[in-house]
Amino acid sequence: MTEITGSRLTSLVDRNIIDRNIVFPGRAEEKEDLTFADTLLGALNNVNRMQVDANRATEQLLTGDIQNLHEVMIKAEEAQLSLQLTTQVVNKVIQAYQEISRMQI
């Protein structure tokens, strides 16, 4: 599996391989360079949006506004997978920080 770093993500976005609006909703027209913090914030916002959408779809299913259980289950699974991915990324960042802090100067 290929790991995509912040600069690589920016490169993919700049070359239109990944849609900027997916990574940074509402910022598709901005042309400024993206920092690591921007990349991280955009990813966390996407995870949060997926969680909110899944919860809203579940509530709509329970109230009868949505009849399609399949659609609700897909949204819930997407939200769960995005949260698991975010957790793994956080764990890797913490491991990298700990590794750097153990380095001899």
Foldseek 3Di string as FASTA:
>chain_A
DDDAAPVNVQVCCVVVVDPPCLQAPPCNPDDDRDDNVNSVVSLVVNLVVLVVVLVVVVVCVVVVVDVDPVVSVVSVVVSVVSVVVVVVVVVVVVVVVVVVVPDDD
